[in-house]
Amino acid sequence: GKLVKQNEMGRIVEQAGGVGLNANTSNEATRYFYSFPA
């Protein structure tokens, strides 16, 4: 655990202006999504 950078991907996304980093799993699909400045 001491070697883990907690939620580094989320931090990178937020610092770059990204929003809505999220995912969901249903019976039939797994979806990963977020938005960024162009």
PDB file of all heavy atoms in Angstrom:
ATOM      1  N   GLY A   1       0.803  -1.221   0.000  1.00  0.00           N
ATOM      2  CA  GLY A   1       0.000   0.000   0.000  1.00  0.00           C
ATOM      3  C   GLY A   1       0.835   1.270   0.000  1.00  0.00           C
ATOM      4  O   GLY A   1       0.424   2.300  -0.552  1.00  0.00           O
ATOM      5  N   LYS A   2       2.028   1.209   0.614  1.00  0.00           N
ATOM      6  CA  LYS A   2       2.900   2.383   0.669  1.00  0.00           C
ATOM      7  C   LYS A   2       3.434   2.763  -0.710  1.00  0.00           C
ATOM      8  O   LYS A   2       3.890   3.895  -0.912  1.00  0.00           O
ATOM      9  CB  LYS A   2       4.071   2.110   1.616  1.00  0.00           C
ATOM     10  CG  LYS A   2       3.671   1.951   3.075  1.00  0.00           C
ATOM     11  CD  LYS A   2       4.868   1.547   3.926  1.00  0.00           C
ATOM     12  CE  LYS A   2       4.456   1.288   5.382  1.00  0.00           C
ATOM     13  NZ  LYS A   2       5.599   0.827   6.200  1.00  0.00           N
ATOM     14  N   LEU A   3       3.374   1.821  -1.634  1.00  0.00           N
ATOM     15  CA  LEU A   3       3.897   2.067  -2.982  1.00  0.00           C
ATOM     16  C   LEU A   3       2.814   2.504  -3.967  1.00  0.00           C
ATOM     17  O   LEU A   3       3.096   2.766  -5.144  1.00  0.00           O
ATOM     18  CB  LEU A   3       4.588   0.804  -3.513  1.00  0.00           C
ATOM     19  CG  LEU A   3       5.822   0.350  -2.718  1.00  0.00           C
ATOM     20  CD1 LEU A   3       6.291  -1.016  -3.212  1.00  0.00           C
ATOM     21  CD2 LEU A   3       6.939   1.372  -2.851  1.00  0.00           C
ATOM     22  N   VAL A   4       1.564   2.571  -3.485  1.00  0.00           N
ATOM     23  CA  VAL A   4       0.437   2.928  -4.345  1.00  0.00           C
ATOM     24  C   VAL A   4       0.219   4.439  -4.345  1.00  0.00           C
ATOM     25  O   VAL A   4       0.196   5.071  -3.292  1.00  0.00           O
ATOM     26  CB  VAL A   4      -0.854   2.225  -3.893  1.00  0.00           C
ATOM     27  CG1 VAL A   4      -2.050   2.702  -4.723  1.00  0.00           C
ATOM     28  CG2 VAL A   4      -0.706   0.711  -4.023  1.00  0.00           C
ATOM     29  N   LYS A   5       0.063   5.008  -5.537  1.00  0.00           N
ATOM     30  CA  LYS A   5      -0.366   6.395  -5.665  1.00  0.00           C
ATOM     31  C   LYS A   5      -1.887   6.382  -5.827  1.00  0.00           C
ATOM     32  O   LYS A   5      -2.402   6.048  -6.901  1.00  0.00           O
ATOM     33  CB  LYS A   5       0.284   7.048  -6.895  1.00  0.00           C
ATOM     34  CG  LYS A   5       1.755   7.354  -6.738  1.00  0.00           C
ATOM     35  CD  LYS A   5       2.258   8.097  -7.982  1.00  0.00           C
ATOM     36  CE  LYS A   5       3.715   8.478  -7.855  1.00  0.00           C
ATOM     37  NZ  LYS A   5       4.205   9.192  -9.065  1.00  0.00           N
ATOM     38  N   GLN A   6      -2.585   6.691  -4.742  1.00  0.00           N
ATOM     39  CA  GLN A   6      -4.027   6.555  -4.732  1.00  0.00           C
ATOM     40  C   GLN A   6      -4.701   7.423  -5.801  1.00  0.00           C
ATOM     41  O   GLN A   6      -4.412   8.611  -5.935  1.00  0.00           O
ATOM     42  CB  GLN A   6      -4.578   6.953  -3.353  1.00  0.00           C
ATOM     43  CG  GLN A   6      -4.168   6.019  -2.229  1.00  0.00           C
ATOM     44  CD  GLN A   6      -4.826   4.640  -2.349  1.00  0.00           C
ATOM     45  OE1 GLN A   6      -5.873   4.490  -2.979  1.00  0.00           O
ATOM     46  NE2 GLN A   6      -4.197   3.637  -1.742  1.00  0.00           N
ATOM     47  N   ASN A   7      -5.579   6.807  -6.573  1.00  0.00           N
ATOM     48  CA  ASN A   7      -6.405   7.489  -7.569  1.00  0.00           C
ATOM     49  C   ASN A   7      -5.590   8.424  -8.470  1.00  0.00           C
ATOM     50  O   ASN A   7      -5.992   9.549  -8.752  1.00  0.00           O
ATOM     51  CB  ASN A   7      -7.530   8.281  -6.873  1.00  0.00           C
ATOM     52  CG  ASN A   7      -8.589   8.753  -7.863  1.00  0.00           C
ATOM     53  OD1 ASN A   7      -8.848   8.113  -8.883  1.00  0.00           O
ATOM     54  ND2 ASN A   7      -9.211   9.884  -7.565  1.00  0.00           N
ATOM     55  N   GLU A   8      -4.419   7.936  -8.905  1.00  0.00           N
ATOM     56  CA  GLU A   8      -3.581   8.802  -9.736  1.00  0.00           C
ATOM     57  C   GLU A   8      -4.245   9.115 -11.074  1.00  0.00           C
ATOM     58  O   GLU A   8      -4.148  10.235 -11.587  1.00  0.00           O
ATOM     59  CB  GLU A   8      -2.210   8.175  -9.977  1.00  0.00           C
ATOM     60  CG  GLU A   8      -1.294   9.144 -10.723  1.00  0.00           C
ATOM     61  CD  GLU A   8       0.115   8.633 -10.924  1.00  0.00           C
ATOM     62  OE1 GLU A   8       0.335   7.408 -10.861  1.00  0.00           O
ATOM     63  OE2 GLU A   8       0.992   9.471 -11.156  1.00  0.00           O
ATOM     64  N   MET A   9      -4.950   8.137 -11.627  1.00  0.00           N
ATOM     65  CA  MET A   9      -5.613   8.403 -12.902  1.00  0.00           C
ATOM     66  C   MET A   9      -6.650   9.518 -12.746  1.00  0.00           C
ATOM     67  O   MET A   9      -6.742  10.424 -13.574  1.00  0.00           O
ATOM     68  CB  MET A   9      -6.281   7.133 -13.429  1.00  0.00           C
ATOM     69  CG  MET A   9      -6.906   7.335 -14.797  1.00  0.00           C
ATOM     70  SD  MET A   9      -7.518   5.805 -15.538  1.00  0.00           S
ATOM     71  CE  MET A   9      -8.196   6.428 -17.062  1.00  0.00           C
ATOM     72  N   GLY A  10      -7.439   9.450 -11.666  1.00  0.00           N
ATOM     73  CA  GLY A  10      -8.422  10.500 -11.418  1.00  0.00           C
ATOM     74  C   GLY A  10      -7.776  11.858 -11.241  1.00  0.00           C
ATOM     75  O   GLY A  10      -8.286  12.881 -11.710  1.00  0.00           O
ATOM     76  N   ARG A  11      -6.627  11.890 -10.562  1.00  0.00           N
ATOM     77  CA  ARG A  11      -5.923  13.153 -10.343  1.00  0.00           C
ATOM     78  C   ARG A  11      -5.422  13.730 -11.672  1.00  0.00           C
ATOM     79  O   ARG A  11      -5.548  14.935 -11.926  1.00  0.00           O
ATOM     80  CB  ARG A  11      -4.749  12.921  -9.403  1.00  0.00           C
ATOM     81  CG  ARG A  11      -3.942  14.180  -9.102  1.00  0.00           C
ATOM     82  CD  ARG A  11      -2.758  13.874  -8.216  1.00  0.00           C
ATOM     83  NE  ARG A  11      -1.865  12.861  -8.796  1.00  0.00           N
ATOM     84  CZ  ARG A  11      -0.986  13.125  -9.764  1.00  0.00           C
ATOM     85  NH1 ARG A  11      -0.892  14.349 -10.274  1.00  0.00           N
ATOM     86  NH2 ARG A  11      -0.213  12.162 -10.229  1.00  0.00           N
ATOM     87  N   ILE A  12      -4.884  12.873 -12.541  1.00  0.00           N
ATOM     88  CA  ILE A  12      -4.410  13.331 -13.851  1.00  0.00           C
ATOM     89  C   ILE A  12      -5.566  13.921 -14.656  1.00  0.00           C
ATOM     90  O   ILE A  12      -5.441  14.988 -15.273  1.00  0.00           O
ATOM     91  CB  ILE A  12      -3.752  12.167 -14.623  1.00  0.00           C
ATOM     92  CG1 ILE A  12      -2.475  11.708 -13.920  1.00  0.00           C
ATOM     93  CG2 ILE A  12      -3.451  12.574 -16.066  1.00  0.00           C
ATOM     94  CD1 ILE A  12      -1.892  10.411 -14.481  1.00  0.00           C
ATOM     95  N   VAL A  13      -6.686  13.226 -14.635  1.00  0.00           N
ATOM     96  CA  VAL A  13      -7.859  13.681 -15.388  1.00  0.00           C
ATOM     97  C   VAL A  13      -8.342  15.023 -14.856  1.00  0.00           C
ATOM     98  O   VAL A  13      -8.601  15.968 -15.620  1.00  0.00           O
ATOM     99  CB  VAL A  13      -8.980  12.624 -15.332  1.00  0.00           C
ATOM    100  CG1 VAL A  13     -10.279  13.182 -15.904  1.00  0.00           C
ATOM    101  CG2 VAL A  13      -8.571  11.367 -16.092  1.00  0.00           C
ATOM    102  N   GLU A  14      -8.467  15.152 -13.546  1.00  0.00           N
ATOM    103  CA  GLU A  14      -8.954  16.397 -12.962  1.00  0.00           C
ATOM    104  C   GLU A  14      -8.010  17.558 -13.242  1.00  0.00           C
ATOM    105  O   GLU A  14      -8.451  18.667 -13.570  1.00  0.00           O
ATOM    106  CB  GLU A  14      -9.142  16.219 -11.457  1.00  0.00           C
ATOM    107  CG  GLU A  14     -10.390  15.427 -11.096  1.00  0.00           C
ATOM    108  CD  GLU A  14     -10.656  15.423  -9.604  1.00  0.00           C
ATOM    109  OE1 GLU A  14      -9.692  15.274  -8.818  1.00  0.00           O
ATOM    110  OE2 GLU A  14     -11.816  15.565  -9.211  1.00  0.00           O
ATOM    111  N   GLN A  15      -6.727  17.334 -13.101  1.00  0.00           N
ATOM    112  CA  GLN A  15      -5.756  18.409 -13.320  1.00  0.00           C
ATOM    113  C   GLN A  15      -5.756  18.898 -14.764  1.00  0.00           C
ATOM    114  O   GLN A  15      -5.415  20.046 -15.030  1.00  0.00           O
ATOM    115  CB  GLN A  15      -4.360  17.933 -12.931  1.00  0.00           C
ATOM    116  CG  GLN A  15      -4.153  17.810 -11.425  1.00  0.00           C
ATOM    117  CD  GLN A  15      -2.742  17.370 -11.069  1.00  0.00           C
ATOM    118  OE1 GLN A  15      -1.974  16.944 -11.932  1.00  0.00           O
ATOM    119  NE2 GLN A  15      -2.400  17.469  -9.790  1.00  0.00           N
ATOM    120  N   ALA A  16      -6.157  18.024 -15.673  1.00  0.00           N
ATOM    121  CA  ALA A  16      -6.222  18.405 -17.091  1.00  0.00           C
ATOM    122  C   ALA A  16      -7.592  18.956 -17.479  1.00  0.00           C
ATOM    123  O   ALA A  16      -7.858  19.188 -18.670  1.00  0.00           O
ATOM    124  CB  ALA A  16      -5.876  17.204 -17.963  1.00  0.00           C
ATOM    125  N   GLY A  17      -8.460  19.159 -16.484  1.00  0.00           N
ATOM    126  CA  GLY A  17      -9.775  19.716 -16.757  1.00  0.00           C
ATOM    127  C   GLY A  17     -10.839  18.694 -17.095  1.00  0.00           C
ATOM    128  O   GLY A  17     -11.933  19.049 -17.542  1.00  0.00           O
ATOM    129  N   GLY A  18     -10.539  17.428 -16.897  1.00  0.00           N
ATOM    130  CA  GLY A  18     -11.512  16.377 -17.187  1.00  0.00           C
ATOM    131  C   GLY A  18     -12.593  16.277 -16.119  1.00  0.00           C
ATOM    132  O   GLY A  18     -12.370  16.649 -14.957  1.00  0.00           O
ATOM    133  N   VAL A  19     -13.760  15.798 -16.501  1.00  0.00           N
ATOM    134  CA  VAL A  19     -14.884  15.622 -15.570  1.00  0.00           C
ATOM    135  C   VAL A  19     -15.593  14.305 -15.853  1.00  0.00           C
ATOM    136  O   VAL A  19     -15.522  13.752 -16.956  1.00  0.00           O
ATOM    137  CB  VAL A  19     -15.919  16.774 -15.682  1.00  0.00           C
ATOM    138  CG1 VAL A  19     -15.309  18.092 -15.243  1.00  0.00           C
ATOM    139  CG2 VAL A  19     -16.430  16.885 -17.124  1.00  0.00           C
ATOM    140  N   GLY A  20     -16.274  13.820 -14.820  1.00  0.00           N
ATOM    141  CA  GLY A  20     -17.153  12.666 -15.005  1.00  0.00           C
ATOM    142  C   GLY A  20     -16.463  11.336 -15.179  1.00  0.00           C
ATOM    143  O   GLY A  20     -17.045  10.416 -15.773  1.00  0.00           O
ATOM    144  N   LEU A  21     -15.243  11.177 -14.678  1.00  0.00           N
ATOM    145  CA  LEU A  21     -14.553   9.889 -14.785  1.00  0.00           C
ATOM    146  C   LEU A  21     -15.343   8.839 -14.023  1.00  0.00           C
ATOM    147  O   LEU A  21     -15.505   8.926 -12.819  1.00  0.00           O
ATOM    148  CB  LEU A  21     -13.135  10.003 -14.218  1.00  0.00           C
ATOM    149  CG  LEU A  21     -12.300   8.722 -14.175  1.00  0.00           C
ATOM    150  CD1 LEU A  21     -12.065   8.185 -15.580  1.00  0.00           C
ATOM    151  CD2 LEU A  21     -10.976   8.973 -13.471  1.00  0.00           C
ATOM    152  N   ASN A  22     -15.850   7.852 -14.739  1.00  0.00           N
ATOM    153  CA  ASN A  22     -16.791   6.920 -14.130  1.00  0.00           C
ATOM    154  C   ASN A  22     -16.878   5.664 -14.985  1.00  0.00           C
ATOM    155  O   ASN A  22     -16.297   5.571 -16.063  1.00  0.00           O
ATOM    156  CB  ASN A  22     -18.175   7.580 -14.023  1.00  0.00           C
ATOM    157  CG  ASN A  22     -18.949   7.098 -12.811  1.00  0.00           C
ATOM    158  OD1 ASN A  22     -18.770   5.969 -12.365  1.00  0.00           O
ATOM    159  ND2 ASN A  22     -19.810   7.951 -12.279  1.00  0.00           N
ATOM    160  N   ALA A  23     -17.610   4.691 -14.478  1.00  0.00           N
ATOM    161  CA  ALA A  23     -17.815   3.435 -15.212  1.00  0.00           C
ATOM    162  C   ALA A  23     -19.021   2.729 -14.648  1.00  0.00           C
ATOM    163  O   ALA A  23     -19.454   3.005 -13.521  1.00  0.00           O
ATOM    164  CB  ALA A  23     -16.580   2.540 -15.107  1.00  0.00           C
ATOM    165  N   ASN A  24     -19.593   1.819 -15.411  1.00  0.00           N
ATOM    166  CA  ASN A  24     -20.639   0.952 -14.875  1.00  0.00           C
ATOM    167  C   ASN A  24     -20.603  -0.389 -15.578  1.00  0.00           C
ATOM    168  O   ASN A  24     -20.094  -0.520 -16.697  1.00  0.00           O
ATOM    169  CB  ASN A  24     -22.030   1.595 -14.959  1.00  0.00           C
ATOM    170  CG  ASN A  24     -22.452   1.910 -16.376  1.00  0.00           C
ATOM    171  OD1 ASN A  24     -22.419   1.071 -17.264  1.00  0.00           O
ATOM    172  ND2 ASN A  24     -22.874   3.143 -16.610  1.00  0.00           N
ATOM    173  N   THR A  25     -21.113  -1.386 -14.878  1.00  0.00           N
ATOM    174  CA  THR A  25     -21.197  -2.749 -15.405  1.00  0.00           C
ATOM    175  C   THR A  25     -22.644  -3.187 -15.376  1.00  0.00           C
ATOM    176  O   THR A  25     -23.317  -3.052 -14.350  1.00  0.00           O
ATOM    177  CB  THR A  25     -20.360  -3.721 -14.557  1.00  0.00           C
ATOM    178  OG1 THR A  25     -19.015  -3.250 -14.483  1.00  0.00           O
ATOM    179  CG2 THR A  25     -20.355  -5.108 -15.178  1.00  0.00           C
ATOM    180  N   SER A  26     -23.117  -3.708 -16.474  1.00  0.00           N
ATOM    181  CA  SER A  26     -24.474  -4.258 -16.539  1.00  0.00           C
ATOM    182  C   SER A  26     -24.378  -5.741 -16.850  1.00  0.00           C
ATOM    183  O   SER A  26     -23.296  -6.318 -16.897  1.00  0.00           O
ATOM    184  CB  SER A  26     -25.290  -3.539 -17.617  1.00  0.00           C
ATOM    185  OG  SER A  26     -24.815  -3.889 -18.902  1.00  0.00           O
ATOM    186  N   ASN A  27     -25.505  -6.355 -17.086  1.00  0.00           N
ATOM    187  CA  ASN A  27     -25.506  -7.759 -17.481  1.00  0.00           C
ATOM    188  C   ASN A  27     -24.767  -7.985 -18.789  1.00  0.00           C
ATOM    189  O   ASN A  27     -24.248  -9.073 -19.025  1.00  0.00           O
ATOM    190  CB  ASN A  27     -26.956  -8.250 -17.644  1.00  0.00           C
ATOM    191  CG  ASN A  27     -27.635  -8.513 -16.322  1.00  0.00           C
ATOM    192  OD1 ASN A  27     -27.487  -9.572 -15.744  1.00  0.00           O
ATOM    193  ND2 ASN A  27     -28.362  -7.513 -15.826  1.00  0.00           N
ATOM    194  N   GLU A  28     -24.732  -6.962 -19.645  1.00  0.00           N
ATOM    195  CA  GLU A  28     -24.273  -7.188 -21.012  1.00  0.00           C
ATOM    196  C   GLU A  28     -23.068  -6.361 -21.431  1.00  0.00           C
ATOM    197  O   GLU A  28     -22.476  -6.631 -22.478  1.00  0.00           O
ATOM    198  CB  GLU A  28     -25.427  -6.860 -21.977  1.00  0.00           C
ATOM    199  CG  GLU A  28     -26.669  -7.617 -21.658  1.00  0.00           C
ATOM    200  CD  GLU A  28     -27.935  -6.812 -21.924  1.00  0.00           C
ATOM    201  OE1 GLU A  28     -27.858  -5.575 -22.005  1.00  0.00           O
ATOM    202  OE2 GLU A  28     -28.987  -7.438 -22.039  1.00  0.00           O
ATOM    203  N   ALA A  29     -22.703  -5.362 -20.659  1.00  0.00           N
ATOM    204  CA  ALA A  29     -21.637  -4.469 -21.100  1.00  0.00           C
ATOM    205  C   ALA A  29     -20.946  -3.825 -19.909  1.00  0.00           C
ATOM    206  O   ALA A  29     -21.487  -3.746 -18.814  1.00  0.00           O
ATOM    207  CB  ALA A  29     -22.198  -3.383 -22.011  1.00  0.00           C
ATOM    208  N   THR A  30     -19.717  -3.356 -20.164  1.00  0.00           N
ATOM    209  CA  THR A  30     -18.988  -2.547 -19.197  1.00  0.00           C
ATOM    210  C   THR A  30     -18.573  -1.275 -19.905  1.00  0.00           C
ATOM    211  O   THR A  30     -17.988  -1.327 -20.991  1.00  0.00           O
ATOM    212  CB  THR A  30     -17.750  -3.292 -18.664  1.00  0.00           C
ATOM    213  OG1 THR A  30     -18.125  -4.614 -18.268  1.00  0.00           O
ATOM    214  CG2 THR A  30     -17.166  -2.561 -17.467  1.00  0.00           C
ATOM    215  N   ARG A  31     -18.908  -0.138 -19.309  1.00  0.00           N
ATOM    216  CA  ARG A  31     -18.712   1.156 -19.966  1.00  0.00           C
ATOM    217  C   ARG A  31     -17.809   2.039 -19.113  1.00  0.00           C
ATOM    218  O   ARG A  31     -18.035   2.183 -17.915  1.00  0.00           O
ATOM    219  CB  ARG A  31     -20.056   1.843 -20.193  1.00  0.00           C
ATOM    220  CG  ARG A  31     -21.089   0.963 -20.883  1.00  0.00           C
ATOM    221  CD  ARG A  31     -22.474   1.566 -20.807  1.00  0.00           C
ATOM    222  NE  ARG A  31     -23.505   0.657 -21.296  1.00  0.00           N
ATOM    223  CZ  ARG A  31     -24.096  -0.279 -20.559  1.00  0.00           C
ATOM    224  NH1 ARG A  31     -23.751  -0.440 -19.270  1.00  0.00           N
ATOM    225  NH2 ARG A  31     -25.020  -1.062 -21.055  1.00  0.00           N
ATOM    226  N   TYR A  32     -16.850   2.688 -19.765  1.00  0.00           N
ATOM    227  CA  TYR A  32     -15.911   3.593 -19.103  1.00  0.00           C
ATOM    228  C   TYR A  32     -16.016   4.945 -19.810  1.00  0.00           C
ATOM    229  O   TYR A  32     -15.910   5.008 -21.044  1.00  0.00           O
ATOM    230  CB  TYR A  32     -14.480   3.068 -19.210  1.00  0.00           C
ATOM    231  CG  TYR A  32     -14.300   1.674 -18.645  1.00  0.00           C
ATOM    232  CD1 TYR A  32     -14.553   0.542 -19.430  1.00  0.00           C
ATOM    233  CD2 TYR A  32     -13.889   1.485 -17.327  1.00  0.00           C
ATOM    234  CE1 TYR A  32     -14.391  -0.741 -18.911  1.00  0.00           C
ATOM    235  CE2 TYR A  32     -13.711   0.202 -16.805  1.00  0.00           C
ATOM    236  CZ  TYR A  32     -13.975  -0.898 -17.603  1.00  0.00           C
ATOM    237  OH  TYR A  32     -13.810  -2.175 -17.093  1.00  0.00           O
ATOM    238  N   PHE A  33     -16.190   6.028 -19.051  1.00  0.00           N
ATOM    239  CA  PHE A  33     -16.464   7.295 -19.724  1.00  0.00           C
ATOM    240  C   PHE A  33     -15.996   8.495 -18.905  1.00  0.00           C
ATOM    241  O   PHE A  33     -15.945   8.458 -17.676  1.00  0.00           O
ATOM    242  CB  PHE A  33     -17.963   7.426 -20.009  1.00  0.00           C
ATOM    243  CG  PHE A  33     -18.860   7.023 -18.867  1.00  0.00           C
ATOM    244  CD1 PHE A  33     -19.273   7.937 -17.909  1.00  0.00           C
ATOM    245  CD2 PHE A  33     -19.290   5.709 -18.747  1.00  0.00           C
ATOM    246  CE1 PHE A  33     -20.088   7.548 -16.859  1.00  0.00           C
ATOM    247  CE2 PHE A  33     -20.118   5.308 -17.690  1.00  0.00           C
ATOM    248  CZ  PHE A  33     -20.510   6.240 -16.748  1.00  0.00           C
ATOM    249  N   TYR A  34     -15.620   9.540 -19.615  1.00  0.00           N
ATOM    250  CA  TYR A  34     -15.348  10.848 -19.037  1.00  0.00           C
ATOM    251  C   TYR A  34     -15.202  11.854 -20.169  1.00  0.00           C
ATOM    252  O   TYR A  34     -15.179  11.481 -21.344  1.00  0.00           O
ATOM    253  CB  TYR A  34     -14.127  10.852 -18.115  1.00  0.00           C
ATOM    254  CG  TYR A  34     -12.824  10.292 -18.636  1.00  0.00           C
ATOM    255  CD1 TYR A  34     -11.761  11.125 -18.960  1.00  0.00           C
ATOM    256  CD2 TYR A  34     -12.624   8.909 -18.752  1.00  0.00           C
ATOM    257  CE1 TYR A  34     -10.530  10.616 -19.388  1.00  0.00           C
ATOM    258  CE2 TYR A  34     -11.403   8.396 -19.182  1.00  0.00           C
ATOM    259  CZ  TYR A  34     -10.363   9.254 -19.505  1.00  0.00           C
ATOM    260  OH  TYR A  34      -9.153   8.747 -19.924  1.00  0.00           O
ATOM    261  N   SER A  35     -15.103  13.126 -19.792  1.00  0.00           N
ATOM    262  CA  SER A  35     -15.011  14.197 -20.777  1.00  0.00           C
ATOM    263  C   SER A  35     -13.782  15.049 -20.510  1.00  0.00           C
ATOM    264  O   SER A  35     -13.344  15.175 -19.364  1.00  0.00           O
ATOM    265  CB  SER A  35     -16.270  15.075 -20.727  1.00  0.00           C
ATOM    266  OG  SER A  35     -17.440  14.327 -21.002  1.00  0.00           O
ATOM    267  N   PHE A  36     -13.251  15.635 -21.592  1.00  0.00           N
ATOM    268  CA  PHE A  36     -12.053  16.468 -21.531  1.00  0.00           C
ATOM    269  C   PHE A  36     -12.262  17.740 -22.352  1.00  0.00           C
ATOM    270  O   PHE A  36     -13.085  17.755 -23.285  1.00  0.00           O
ATOM    271  CB  PHE A  36     -10.863  15.726 -22.144  1.00  0.00           C
ATOM    272  CG  PHE A  36      -9.932  15.075 -21.165  1.00  0.00           C
ATOM    273  CD1 PHE A  36      -9.379  13.828 -21.452  1.00  0.00           C
ATOM    274  CD2 PHE A  36      -9.563  15.699 -19.979  1.00  0.00           C
ATOM    275  CE1 PHE A  36      -8.495  13.221 -20.576  1.00  0.00           C
ATOM    276  CE2 PHE A  36      -8.685  15.093 -19.097  1.00  0.00           C
ATOM    277  CZ  PHE A  36      -8.152  13.854 -19.386  1.00  0.00           C
ATOM    278  N   PRO A  37     -11.498  18.780 -22.062  1.00  0.00           N
ATOM    279  CA  PRO A  37     -11.426  19.900 -23.009  1.00  0.00           C
ATOM    280  C   PRO A  37     -10.903  19.383 -24.350  1.00  0.00           C
ATOM    281  O   PRO A  37     -10.143  18.412 -24.408  1.00  0.00           O
ATOM    282  CB  PRO A  37     -10.428  20.857 -22.347  1.00  0.00           C
ATOM    283  CG  PRO A  37     -10.470  20.523 -20.891  1.00  0.00           C
ATOM    284  CD  PRO A  37     -10.728  19.048 -20.827  1.00  0.00           C
ATOM    285  N   ALA A  38     -11.284  20.063 -25.425  1.00  0.00           N
ATOM    286  CA  ALA A  38     -10.961  19.572 -26.769  1.00  0.00           C
ATOM    287  C   ALA A  38      -9.459  19.445 -27.010  1.00  0.00           C
ATOM    288  O   ALA A  38      -9.022  18.600 -27.800  1.00  0.00           O
ATOM    289  CB  ALA A  38     -11.582  20.498 -27.819  1.00  0.00           C
TER     290      ALA A  38
END
